[in-house]
């Protein structure tokens, strides 16, 4: 079997590209990057009370795993994992309020 010039060029190009892929430096893999929001949402819906007693509502608890700050997101209903307002036609937006802070840095001793 005799290969012509075009086939030689294509095979050479293919070998060069495969070598480029195989010999490139390995890149480190990260399971989690620091750019993502590090909020952990506690399963379930809880009665949330603001520290200044300004509000008491049903909602979700979120913990910022970077800072330890705990936030409450009102859902307005006990059995709903997301905000529902049955009197409105538009979906509501739940604005968080500050509940407290976990001292996560103290766990690194």
PDB file of N, CA and C in Angstrom:
ATOM      1  N   UNK A   1       0.847  -1.165   0.000  1.00  0.00           N
ATOM      2  CA  UNK A   1       0.000   0.000   0.000  1.00  0.00           C
ATOM      3  C   UNK A   1       0.894   1.230   0.000  1.00  0.00           C
ATOM      4  N   UNK A   2       0.660   2.112  -0.926  1.00  0.00           N
ATOM      5  CA  UNK A   2       1.483   3.301  -1.068  1.00  0.00           C
ATOM      6  C   UNK A   2       0.664   4.529  -0.663  1.00  0.00           C
ATOM      7  N   UNK A   3       1.242   5.357   0.218  1.00  0.00           N
ATOM      8  CA  UNK A   3       0.567   6.567   0.681  1.00  0.00           C
ATOM      9  C   UNK A   3       1.021   7.748  -0.158  1.00  0.00           C
ATOM     10  N   UNK A   4       0.081   8.583  -0.548  1.00  0.00           N
ATOM     11  CA  UNK A   4       0.454   9.770  -1.324  1.00  0.00           C
ATOM     12  C   UNK A   4       0.802  10.927  -0.387  1.00  0.00           C
ATOM     13  N   UNK A   5       1.194  12.046  -0.942  1.00  0.00           N
ATOM     14  CA  UNK A   5       1.662  13.197  -0.159  1.00  0.00           C
ATOM     15  C   UNK A   5       0.588  13.779   0.751  1.00  0.00           C
ATOM     16  N   UNK A   6      -0.671  13.873   0.293  1.00  0.00           N
ATOM     17  CA  UNK A   6      -1.754  14.427   1.098  1.00  0.00           C
ATOM     18  C   UNK A   6      -2.022  13.545   2.321  1.00  0.00           C
ATOM     19  N   UNK A   7      -2.010  12.250   2.141  1.00  0.00           N
ATOM     20  CA  UNK A   7      -2.228  11.331   3.259  1.00  0.00           C
ATOM     21  C   UNK A   7      -1.100  11.455   4.274  1.00  0.00           C
ATOM     22  N   UNK A   8       0.153  11.595   3.782  1.00  0.00           N
ATOM     23  CA  UNK A   8       1.290  11.793   4.688  1.00  0.00           C
ATOM     24  C   UNK A   8       1.101  13.061   5.517  1.00  0.00           C
ATOM     25  N   UNK A   9       0.680  14.137   4.878  1.00  0.00           N
ATOM     26  CA  UNK A   9       0.483  15.407   5.597  1.00  0.00           C
ATOM     27  C   UNK A   9      -0.624  15.287   6.636  1.00  0.00           C
ATOM     28  N   UNK A  10      -1.727  14.631   6.295  1.00  0.00           N
ATOM     29  CA  UNK A  10      -2.831  14.477   7.232  1.00  0.00           C
ATOM     30  C   UNK A  10      -2.443  13.600   8.415  1.00  0.00           C
ATOM     31  N   UNK A  11      -1.725  12.512   8.155  1.00  0.00           N
ATOM     32  CA  UNK A  11      -1.278  11.645   9.244  1.00  0.00           C
ATOM     33  C   UNK A  11      -0.298  12.386  10.132  1.00  0.00           C
ATOM     34  N   UNK A  12       0.612  13.151   9.558  1.00  0.00           N
ATOM     35  CA  UNK A  12       1.578  13.929  10.334  1.00  0.00           C
ATOM     36  C   UNK A  12       0.871  14.984  11.187  1.00  0.00           C
ATOM     37  N   UNK A  13      -0.120  15.648  10.621  1.00  0.00           N
ATOM     38  CA  UNK A  13      -0.894  16.643  11.367  1.00  0.00           C
ATOM     39  C   UNK A  13      -1.644  15.982  12.520  1.00  0.00           C
ATOM     40  N   UNK A  14      -2.243  14.842  12.261  1.00  0.00           N
ATOM     41  CA  UNK A  14      -2.970  14.113  13.295  1.00  0.00           C
ATOM     42  C   UNK A  14      -2.038  13.688  14.432  1.00  0.00           C
ATOM     43  N   UNK A  15      -0.863  13.164  14.097  1.00  0.00           N
ATOM     44  CA  UNK A  15       0.114  12.753  15.109  1.00  0.00           C
ATOM     45  C   UNK A  15       0.581  13.961  15.912  1.00  0.00           C
ATOM     46  N   UNK A  16       0.813  15.090  15.262  1.00  0.00           N
ATOM     47  CA  UNK A  16       1.270  16.298  15.960  1.00  0.00           C
ATOM     48  C   UNK A  16       0.199  16.803  16.925  1.00  0.00           C
ATOM     49  N   UNK A  17      -1.056  16.812  16.505  1.00  0.00           N
ATOM     50  CA  UNK A  17      -2.133  17.277  17.378  1.00  0.00           C
ATOM     51  C   UNK A  17      -2.349  16.330  18.563  1.00  0.00           C
ATOM     52  N   UNK A  18      -2.277  15.029  18.323  1.00  0.00           N
ATOM     53  CA  UNK A  18      -2.401  14.078  19.427  1.00  0.00           C
ATOM     54  C   UNK A  18      -1.243  14.213  20.408  1.00  0.00           C
ATOM     55  N   UNK A  19      -0.040  14.457  19.891  1.00  0.00           N
ATOM     56  CA  UNK A  19       1.112  14.668  20.765  1.00  0.00           C
ATOM     57  C   UNK A  19       0.946  15.940  21.585  1.00  0.00           C
ATOM     58  N   UNK A  20       0.378  16.975  20.968  1.00  0.00           N
ATOM     59  CA  UNK A  20       0.132  18.225  21.680  1.00  0.00           C
ATOM     60  C   UNK A  20      -0.845  18.006  22.833  1.00  0.00           C
ATOM     61  N   UNK A  21      -1.881  17.232  22.602  1.00  0.00           N
ATOM     62  CA  UNK A  21      -2.847  16.937  23.662  1.00  0.00           C
ATOM     63  C   UNK A  21      -2.206  16.094  24.754  1.00  0.00           C
ATOM     64  N   UNK A  22      -1.454  15.080  24.362  1.00  0.00           N
ATOM     65  CA  UNK A  22      -0.865  14.158  25.334  1.00  0.00           C
ATOM     66  C   UNK A  22       0.249  14.792  26.151  1.00  0.00           C
ATOM     67  N   UNK A  23       0.982  15.730  25.595  1.00  0.00           N
ATOM     68  CA  UNK A  23       2.156  16.278  26.270  1.00  0.00           C
ATOM     69  C   UNK A  23       1.910  17.620  26.949  1.00  0.00           C
ATOM     70  N   UNK A  24       0.692  18.123  26.891  1.00  0.00           N
ATOM     71  CA  UNK A  24       0.436  19.401  27.560  1.00  0.00           C
ATOM     72  C   UNK A  24       0.544  19.222  29.065  1.00  0.00           C
ATOM     73  N   UNK A  25       0.908  20.280  29.780  1.00  0.00           N
ATOM     74  CA  UNK A  25       1.072  20.137  31.228  1.00  0.00           C
ATOM     75  C   UNK A  25      -0.261  19.834  31.905  1.00  0.00           C
ATOM     76  N   UNK A  26      -0.193  18.980  32.896  1.00  0.00           N
ATOM     77  CA  UNK A  26      -1.398  18.607  33.635  1.00  0.00           C
ATOM     78  C   UNK A  26      -1.888  19.805  34.438  1.00  0.00           C
ATOM     79  N   UNK A  27      -3.191  20.019  34.431  1.00  0.00           N
ATOM     80  CA  UNK A  27      -3.777  21.118  35.176  1.00  0.00           C
ATOM     81  C   UNK A  27      -4.363  20.564  36.473  1.00  0.00           C
ATOM     82  N   UNK A  28      -4.159  21.272  37.579  1.00  0.00           N
ATOM     83  CA  UNK A  28      -4.712  20.779  38.842  1.00  0.00           C
ATOM     84  C   UNK A  28      -6.240  20.795  38.799  1.00  0.00           C
ATOM     85  N   UNK A  29      -6.816  19.817  39.412  1.00  0.00           N
ATOM     86  CA  UNK A  29      -8.268  19.689  39.438  1.00  0.00           C
ATOM     87  C   UNK A  29      -8.751  20.058  40.826  1.00  0.00           C
ATOM     88  N   UNK A  30      -9.787  20.878  40.887  1.00  0.00           N
ATOM     89  CA  UNK A  30     -10.370  21.268  42.160  1.00  0.00           C
ATOM     90  C   UNK A  30     -11.824  20.824  42.192  1.00  0.00           C
ATOM     91  N   UNK A  31     -12.201  20.143  43.252  1.00  0.00           N
ATOM     92  CA  UNK A  31     -13.584  19.705  43.385  1.00  0.00           C
ATOM     93  C   UNK A  31     -14.488  20.897  43.644  1.00  0.00           C
ATOM     94  N   UNK A  32     -14.000  21.874  44.389  1.00  0.00           N
ATOM     95  CA  UNK A  32     -14.760  23.073  44.673  1.00  0.00           C
ATOM     96  C   UNK A  32     -13.835  24.262  44.511  1.00  0.00           C
ATOM     97  N   UNK A  33     -14.323  25.277  43.854  1.00  0.00           N
ATOM     98  CA  UNK A  33     -13.526  26.484  43.722  1.00  0.00           C
ATOM     99  C   UNK A  33     -14.025  27.526  44.717  1.00  0.00           C
ATOM    100  N   UNK A  34     -13.187  28.459  45.052  1.00  0.00           N
ATOM    101  CA  UNK A  34     -13.552  29.494  46.003  1.00  0.00           C
ATOM    102  C   UNK A  34     -14.458  30.562  45.429  1.00  0.00           C
ATOM    103  N   UNK A  35     -14.714  30.507  44.136  1.00  0.00           N
ATOM    104  CA  UNK A  35     -15.533  31.530  43.518  1.00  0.00           C
ATOM    105  C   UNK A  35     -17.028  31.321  43.749  1.00  0.00           C
ATOM    106  N   UNK A  36     -17.414  30.091  44.007  1.00  0.00           N
ATOM    107  CA  UNK A  36     -18.823  29.785  44.169  1.00  0.00           C
ATOM    108  C   UNK A  36     -19.340  30.322  45.490  1.00  0.00           C
ATOM    109  N   UNK A  37     -20.624  30.529  45.539  1.00  0.00           N
ATOM    110  CA  UNK A  37     -21.244  30.924  46.784  1.00  0.00           C
ATOM    111  C   UNK A  37     -21.201  29.734  47.731  1.00  0.00           C
ATOM    112  N   UNK A  38     -20.728  29.947  48.928  1.00  0.00           N
ATOM    113  CA  UNK A  38     -20.554  28.860  49.889  1.00  0.00           C
ATOM    114  C   UNK A  38     -21.710  28.829  50.873  1.00  0.00           C
ATOM    115  N   UNK A  39     -22.942  28.920  50.380  1.00  0.00           N
ATOM    116  CA  UNK A  39     -24.096  28.860  51.262  1.00  0.00           C
ATOM    117  C   UNK A  39     -24.560  27.420  51.413  1.00  0.00           C
ATOM    118  N   UNK A  40     -24.809  27.050  52.660  1.00  0.00           N
ATOM    119  CA  UNK A  40     -25.398  25.750  52.950  1.00  0.00           C
ATOM    120  C   UNK A  40     -26.822  26.007  53.422  1.00  0.00           C
ATOM    121  N   UNK A  41     -27.800  25.409  52.746  1.00  0.00           N
ATOM    122  CA  UNK A  41     -29.196  25.562  53.140  1.00  0.00           C
ATOM    123  C   UNK A  41     -29.606  24.354  53.970  1.00  0.00           C
ATOM    124  N   UNK A  42     -30.033  24.628  55.177  1.00  0.00           N
ATOM    125  CA  UNK A  42     -30.491  23.580  56.083  1.00  0.00           C
ATOM    126  C   UNK A  42     -31.786  22.986  55.539  1.00  0.00           C
ATOM    127  N   UNK A  43     -31.889  21.662  55.505  1.00  0.00           N
ATOM    128  CA  UNK A  43     -33.140  21.061  55.030  1.00  0.00           C
ATOM    129  C   UNK A  43     -34.306  21.415  55.949  1.00  0.00           C
ATOM    130  N   UNK A  44     -35.460  21.574  55.374  1.00  0.00           N
ATOM    131  CA  UNK A  44     -36.651  21.862  56.158  1.00  0.00           C
ATOM    132  C   UNK A  44     -36.950  23.344  56.237  1.00  0.00           C
ATOM    133  N   UNK A  45     -38.104  23.632  56.800  1.00  0.00           N
ATOM    134  CA  UNK A  45     -38.567  25.007  56.999  1.00  0.00           C
ATOM    135  C   UNK A  45     -38.740  25.210  58.497  1.00  0.00           C
ATOM    136  N   UNK A  46     -38.272  26.335  59.006  1.00  0.00           N
ATOM    137  CA  UNK A  46     -38.285  26.605  60.441  1.00  0.00           C
ATOM    138  C   UNK A  46     -38.938  27.949  60.728  1.00  0.00           C
ATOM    139  N   UNK A  47     -39.396  28.098  61.966  1.00  0.00           N
ATOM    140  CA  UNK A  47     -39.873  29.397  62.416  1.00  0.00           C
ATOM    141  C   UNK A  47     -38.629  30.233  62.718  1.00  0.00           C
ATOM    142  N   UNK A  48     -38.459  31.324  61.980  1.00  0.00           N
ATOM    143  CA  UNK A  48     -37.287  32.183  62.121  1.00  0.00           C
ATOM    144  C   UNK A  48     -37.670  33.419  62.920  1.00  0.00           C
ATOM    145  N   UNK A  49     -36.823  33.786  63.860  1.00  0.00           N
ATOM    146  CA  UNK A  49     -37.052  34.984  64.649  1.00  0.00           C
ATOM    147  C   UNK A  49     -35.828  35.872  64.547  1.00  0.00           C
ATOM    148  N   UNK A  50     -36.029  37.094  64.129  1.00  0.00           N
ATOM    149  CA  UNK A  50     -34.928  38.051  64.036  1.00  0.00           C
ATOM    150  C   UNK A  50     -34.401  38.347  65.437  1.00  0.00           C
ATOM    151  N   UNK A  51     -33.095  38.542  65.597  1.00  0.00           N
ATOM    152  CA  UNK A  51     -32.526  38.804  66.922  1.00  0.00           C
ATOM    153  C   UNK A  51     -33.126  40.031  67.609  1.00  0.00           C
ATOM    154  N   UNK A  52     -33.565  41.022  66.835  1.00  0.00           N
ATOM    155  CA  UNK A  52     -34.160  42.228  67.434  1.00  0.00           C
ATOM    156  C   UNK A  52     -35.674  42.109  67.605  1.00  0.00           C
ATOM    157  N   UNK A  53     -36.207  40.901  67.424  1.00  0.00           N
ATOM    158  CA  UNK A  53     -37.648  40.624  67.535  1.00  0.00           C
ATOM    159  C   UNK A  53     -38.503  41.444  66.574  1.00  0.00           C
ATOM    160  N   UNK A  54     -37.913  41.897  65.469  1.00  0.00           N
ATOM    161  CA  UNK A  54     -38.677  42.692  64.505  1.00  0.00           C
ATOM    162  C   UNK A  54     -39.563  41.838  63.619  1.00  0.00           C
ATOM    163  N   UNK A  55     -39.214  40.554  63.477  1.00  0.00           N
ATOM    164  CA  UNK A  55     -40.048  39.679  62.654  1.00  0.00           C
ATOM    165  C   UNK A  55     -39.905  38.232  63.100  1.00  0.00           C
ATOM    166  N   UNK A  56     -40.970  37.501  62.865  1.00  0.00           N
ATOM    167  CA  UNK A  56     -40.998  36.074  63.140  1.00  0.00           C
ATOM    168  C   UNK A  56     -41.794  35.440  62.013  1.00  0.00           C
ATOM    169  N   UNK A  57     -41.102  34.675  61.150  1.00  0.00           N
ATOM    170  CA  UNK A  57     -41.725  34.113  59.957  1.00  0.00           C
ATOM    171  C   UNK A  57     -41.215  32.696  59.721  1.00  0.00           C
ATOM    172  N   UNK A  58     -41.963  31.940  58.916  1.00  0.00           N
ATOM    173  CA  UNK A  58     -41.486  30.643  58.462  1.00  0.00           C
ATOM    174  C   UNK A  58     -40.461  30.855  57.371  1.00  0.00           C
ATOM    175  N   UNK A  59     -39.396  30.039  57.360  1.00  0.00           N
ATOM    176  CA  UNK A  59     -38.396  30.216  56.327  1.00  0.00           C
ATOM    177  C   UNK A  59     -37.297  29.176  56.353  1.00  0.00           C
ATOM    178  N   UNK A  60     -36.356  29.348  55.438  1.00  0.00           N
ATOM    179  CA  UNK A  60     -35.192  28.473  55.299  1.00  0.00           C
ATOM    180  C   UNK A  60     -33.995  29.122  55.991  1.00  0.00           C
ATOM    181  N   UNK A  61     -33.124  28.283  56.546  1.00  0.00           N
ATOM    182  CA  UNK A  61     -31.903  28.751  57.192  1.00  0.00           C
ATOM    183  C   UNK A  61     -30.733  28.465  56.263  1.00  0.00           C
ATOM    184  N   UNK A  62     -29.899  29.481  56.043  1.00  0.00           N
ATOM    185  CA  UNK A  62     -28.709  29.336  55.212  1.00  0.00           C
ATOM    186  C   UNK A  62     -27.493  29.763  56.025  1.00  0.00           C
ATOM    187  N   UNK A  63     -26.412  28.983  55.913  1.00  0.00           N
ATOM    188  CA  UNK A  63     -25.163  29.293  56.607  1.00  0.00           C
ATOM    189  C   UNK A  63     -24.098  29.572  55.563  1.00  0.00           C
ATOM    190  N   UNK A  64     -23.451  30.742  55.675  1.00  0.00           N
ATOM    191  CA  UNK A  64     -22.313  31.059  54.808  1.00  0.00           C
ATOM    192  C   UNK A  64     -21.109  30.324  55.384  1.00  0.00           C
ATOM    193  N   UNK A  65     -20.646  29.300  54.680  1.00  0.00           N
ATOM    194  CA  UNK A  65     -19.587  28.448  55.200  1.00  0.00           C
ATOM    195  C   UNK A  65     -18.221  29.137  55.237  1.00  0.00           C
ATOM    196  N   UNK A  66     -18.084  30.289  54.589  1.00  0.00           N
ATOM    197  CA  UNK A  66     -16.818  31.022  54.641  1.00  0.00           C
ATOM    198  C   UNK A  66     -16.734  31.884  55.888  1.00  0.00           C
ATOM    199  N   UNK A  67     -17.851  32.516  56.270  1.00  0.00           N
ATOM    200  CA  UNK A  67     -17.831  33.471  57.371  1.00  0.00           C
ATOM    201  C   UNK A  67     -18.533  32.973  58.617  1.00  0.00           C
ATOM    202  N   UNK A  68     -19.409  31.977  58.494  1.00  0.00           N
ATOM    203  CA  UNK A  68     -20.171  31.483  59.627  1.00  0.00           C
ATOM    204  C   UNK A  68     -21.456  32.254  59.875  1.00  0.00           C
ATOM    205  N   UNK A  69     -21.747  33.258  59.053  1.00  0.00           N
ATOM    206  CA  UNK A  69     -22.974  34.029  59.238  1.00  0.00           C
ATOM    207  C   UNK A  69     -24.184  33.183  58.878  1.00  0.00           C
ATOM    208  N   UNK A  70     -25.234  33.314  59.678  1.00  0.00           N
ATOM    209  CA  UNK A  70     -26.465  32.551  59.489  1.00  0.00           C
ATOM    210  C   UNK A  70     -27.551  33.518  59.037  1.00  0.00           C
ATOM    211  N   UNK A  71     -28.216  33.152  57.948  1.00  0.00           N
ATOM    212  CA  UNK A  71     -29.236  33.999  57.346  1.00  0.00           C
ATOM    213  C   UNK A  71     -30.564  33.260  57.303  1.00  0.00           C
ATOM    214  N   UNK A  72     -31.637  34.005  57.409  1.00  0.00           N
ATOM    215  CA  UNK A  72     -32.974  33.444  57.282  1.00  0.00           C
ATOM    216  C   UNK A  72     -33.634  33.976  56.022  1.00  0.00           C
ATOM    217  N   UNK A  73     -34.187  33.067  55.225  1.00  0.00           N
ATOM    218  CA  UNK A  73     -34.903  33.430  54.001  1.00  0.00           C
ATOM    219  C   UNK A  73     -36.382  33.094  54.208  1.00  0.00           C
ATOM    220  N   UNK A  74     -37.238  34.094  54.359  1.00  0.00           N
ATOM    221  CA  UNK A  74     -38.660  33.815  54.580  1.00  0.00           C
ATOM    222  C   UNK A  74     -39.303  33.087  53.401  1.00  0.00           C
ATOM    223  N   UNK A  75     -40.116  32.075  53.731  1.00  0.00           N
ATOM    224  CA  UNK A  75     -40.899  31.374  52.713  1.00  0.00           C
ATOM    225  C   UNK A  75     -42.373  31.720  52.842  1.00  0.00           C
ATOM    226  N   UNK A  76     -42.751  32.329  53.950  1.00  0.00           N
ATOM    227  CA  UNK A  76     -44.106  32.790  54.231  1.00  0.00           C
ATOM    228  C   UNK A  76     -45.093  31.656  54.501  1.00  0.00           C
ATOM    229  N   UNK A  77     -44.699  30.412  54.278  1.00  0.00           N
ATOM    230  CA  UNK A  77     -45.578  29.267  54.526  1.00  0.00           C
ATOM    231  C   UNK A  77     -44.774  28.182  55.233  1.00  0.00           C
ATOM    232  N   UNK A  78     -45.427  27.447  56.107  1.00  0.00           N
ATOM    233  CA  UNK A  78     -44.743  26.400  56.874  1.00  0.00           C
ATOM    234  C   UNK A  78     -44.347  25.215  56.009  1.00  0.00           C
ATOM    235  N   UNK A  79     -45.153  24.840  55.057  1.00  0.00           N
ATOM    236  CA  UNK A  79     -44.901  23.624  54.289  1.00  0.00           C
ATOM    237  C   UNK A  79     -44.257  23.882  52.940  1.00  0.00           C
ATOM    238  N   UNK A  80     -43.696  25.055  52.706  1.00  0.00           N
ATOM    239  CA  UNK A  80     -43.146  25.389  51.405  1.00  0.00           C
ATOM    240  C   UNK A  80     -41.630  25.591  51.487  1.00  0.00           C
ATOM    241  N   UNK A  81     -40.867  24.921  50.631  1.00  0.00           N
ATOM    242  CA  UNK A  81     -39.422  25.111  50.641  1.00  0.00           C
ATOM    243  C   UNK A  81     -38.968  26.351  49.879  1.00  0.00           C
ATOM    244  N   UNK A  82     -39.888  27.066  49.258  1.00  0.00           N
ATOM    245  CA  UNK A  82     -39.563  28.284  48.520  1.00  0.00           C
ATOM    246  C   UNK A  82     -40.643  29.322  48.825  1.00  0.00           C
ATOM    247  N   UNK A  83     -40.367  30.615  48.573  1.00  0.00           N
ATOM    248  CA  UNK A  83     -41.328  31.658  48.934  1.00  0.00           C
ATOM    249  C   UNK A  83     -42.609  31.572  48.100  1.00  0.00           C
ATOM    250  N   UNK A  84     -43.737  31.641  48.784  1.00  0.00           N
ATOM    251  CA  UNK A  84     -45.046  31.627  48.134  1.00  0.00           C
ATOM    252  C   UNK A  84     -45.895  32.727  48.743  1.00  0.00           C
ATOM    253  N   UNK A  85     -46.518  33.505  47.878  1.00  0.00           N
ATOM    254  CA  UNK A  85     -47.491  34.507  48.304  1.00  0.00           C
ATOM    255  C   UNK A  85     -48.758  34.235  47.508  1.00  0.00           C
ATOM    256  N   UNK A  86     -49.753  33.648  48.164  1.00  0.00           N
ATOM    257  CA  UNK A  86     -50.972  33.237  47.460  1.00  0.00           C
ATOM    258  C   UNK A  86     -51.830  34.419  47.037  1.00  0.00           C
ATOM    259  N   UNK A  87     -51.538  35.609  47.541  1.00  0.00           N
ATOM    260  CA  UNK A  87     -52.347  36.782  47.182  1.00  0.00           C
ATOM    261  C   UNK A  87     -51.783  37.524  45.966  1.00  0.00           C
ATOM    262  N   UNK A  88     -50.593  37.165  45.522  1.00  0.00           N
ATOM    263  CA  UNK A  88     -49.955  37.875  44.406  1.00  0.00           C
ATOM    264  C   UNK A  88     -49.875  36.964  43.182  1.00  0.00           C
ATOM    265  N   UNK A  89     -49.834  37.581  42.009  1.00  0.00           N
ATOM    266  CA  UNK A  89     -49.712  36.811  40.767  1.00  0.00           C
ATOM    267  C   UNK A  89     -48.254  36.646  40.354  1.00  0.00           C
ATOM    268  N   UNK A  90     -47.374  37.515  40.825  1.00  0.00           N
ATOM    269  CA  UNK A  90     -45.940  37.397  40.532  1.00  0.00           C
ATOM    270  C   UNK A  90     -45.252  36.583  41.622  1.00  0.00           C
ATOM    271  N   UNK A  91     -44.249  35.788  41.247  1.00  0.00           N
ATOM    272  CA  UNK A  91     -43.502  35.054  42.276  1.00  0.00           C
ATOM    273  C   UNK A  91     -42.762  36.031  43.197  1.00  0.00           C
ATOM    274  N   UNK A  92     -42.829  35.811  44.501  1.00  0.00           N
ATOM    275  CA  UNK A  92     -42.150  36.727  45.431  1.00  0.00           C
ATOM    276  C   UNK A  92     -40.645  36.473  45.490  1.00  0.00           C
ATOM    277  N   UNK A  93     -39.925  37.480  45.929  1.00  0.00           N
ATOM    278  CA  UNK A  93     -38.486  37.372  46.174  1.00  0.00           C
ATOM    279  C   UNK A  93     -38.270  37.386  47.677  1.00  0.00           C
ATOM    280  N   UNK A  94     -37.562  36.401  48.169  1.00  0.00           N
ATOM    281  CA  UNK A  94     -37.290  36.299  49.591  1.00  0.00           C
ATOM    282  C   UNK A  94     -35.976  37.002  49.899  1.00  0.00           C
ATOM    283  N   UNK A  95     -36.032  38.032  50.705  1.00  0.00           N
ATOM    284  CA  UNK A  95     -34.833  38.782  51.098  1.00  0.00           C
ATOM    285  C   UNK A  95     -34.353  38.275  52.456  1.00  0.00           C
ATOM    286  N   UNK A  96     -33.071  37.940  52.551  1.00  0.00           N
ATOM    287  CA  UNK A  96     -32.580  37.352  53.804  1.00  0.00           C
ATOM    288  C   UNK A  96     -32.459  38.384  54.913  1.00  0.00           C
ATOM    289  N   UNK A  97     -32.545  37.880  56.139  1.00  0.00           N
ATOM    290  CA  UNK A  97     -32.229  38.716  57.288  1.00  0.00           C
ATOM    291  C   UNK A  97     -31.257  37.945  58.174  1.00  0.00           C
ATOM    292  N   UNK A  98     -30.409  38.700  58.844  1.00  0.00           N
ATOM    293  CA  UNK A  98     -29.301  38.141  59.619  1.00  0.00           C
ATOM    294  C   UNK A  98     -29.824  37.517  60.910  1.00  0.00           C
ATOM    295  N   UNK A  99     -29.423  36.273  61.176  1.00  0.00           N
ATOM    296  CA  UNK A  99     -29.861  35.575  62.384  1.00  0.00           C
ATOM    297  C   UNK A  99     -28.760  35.464  63.432  1.00  0.00           C
ATOM    298  N   UNK A 100     -27.513  35.368  62.998  1.00  0.00           N
ATOM    299  CA  UNK A 100     -26.408  35.194  63.946  1.00  0.00           C
ATOM    300  C   UNK A 100     -25.168  34.709  63.218  1.00  0.00           C
ATOM    301  N   UNK A 101     -24.230  34.164  64.010  1.00  0.00           N
ATOM    302  CA  UNK A 101     -22.971  33.731  63.415  1.00  0.00           C
ATOM    303  C   UNK A 101     -22.427  32.535  64.172  1.00  0.00           C
ATOM    304  N   UNK A 102     -21.898  31.565  63.424  1.00  0.00           N
ATOM    305  CA  UNK A 102     -21.141  30.462  63.998  1.00  0.00           C
ATOM    306  C   UNK A 102     -19.660  30.842  63.945  1.00  0.00           C
ATOM    307  N   UNK A 103     -18.932  30.600  65.028  1.00  0.00           N
ATOM    308  CA  UNK A 103     -17.498  30.891  65.063  1.00  0.00           C
ATOM    309  C   UNK A 103     -16.755  29.705  64.456  1.00  0.00           C
ATOM    310  N   UNK A 104     -16.785  29.606  63.121  1.00  0.00           N
ATOM    311  CA  UNK A 104     -16.157  28.481  62.429  1.00  0.00           C
ATOM    312  C   UNK A 104     -14.648  28.454  62.605  1.00  0.00           C
ATOM    313  N   UNK A 105     -14.037  29.615  62.806  1.00  0.00           N
ATOM    314  CA  UNK A 105     -12.582  29.668  62.945  1.00  0.00           C
ATOM    315  C   UNK A 105     -12.113  28.945  64.194  1.00  0.00           C
ATOM    316  N   UNK A 106     -12.969  28.805  65.202  1.00  0.00           N
ATOM    317  CA  UNK A 106     -12.588  28.137  66.439  1.00  0.00           C
ATOM    318  C   UNK A 106     -12.531  26.621  66.279  1.00  0.00           C
ATOM    319  N   UNK A 107     -13.008  26.095  65.171  1.00  0.00           N
ATOM    320  CA  UNK A 107     -12.946  24.656  64.950  1.00  0.00           C
ATOM    321  C   UNK A 107     -11.593  24.236  64.386  1.00  0.00           C
ATOM    322  N   UNK A 108     -10.718  25.175  64.074  1.00  0.00           N
ATOM    323  CA  UNK A 108      -9.410  24.881  63.471  1.00  0.00           C
ATOM    324  C   UNK A 108      -8.306  24.788  64.507  1.00  0.00           C
ATOM    325  N   UNK A 109      -8.609  24.536  65.742  1.00  0.00           N
ATOM    326  CA  UNK A 109      -7.591  24.497  66.796  1.00  0.00           C
ATOM    327  C   UNK A 109      -6.882  23.186  66.832  1.00  0.00           C
TER     328      UNK A 109
END
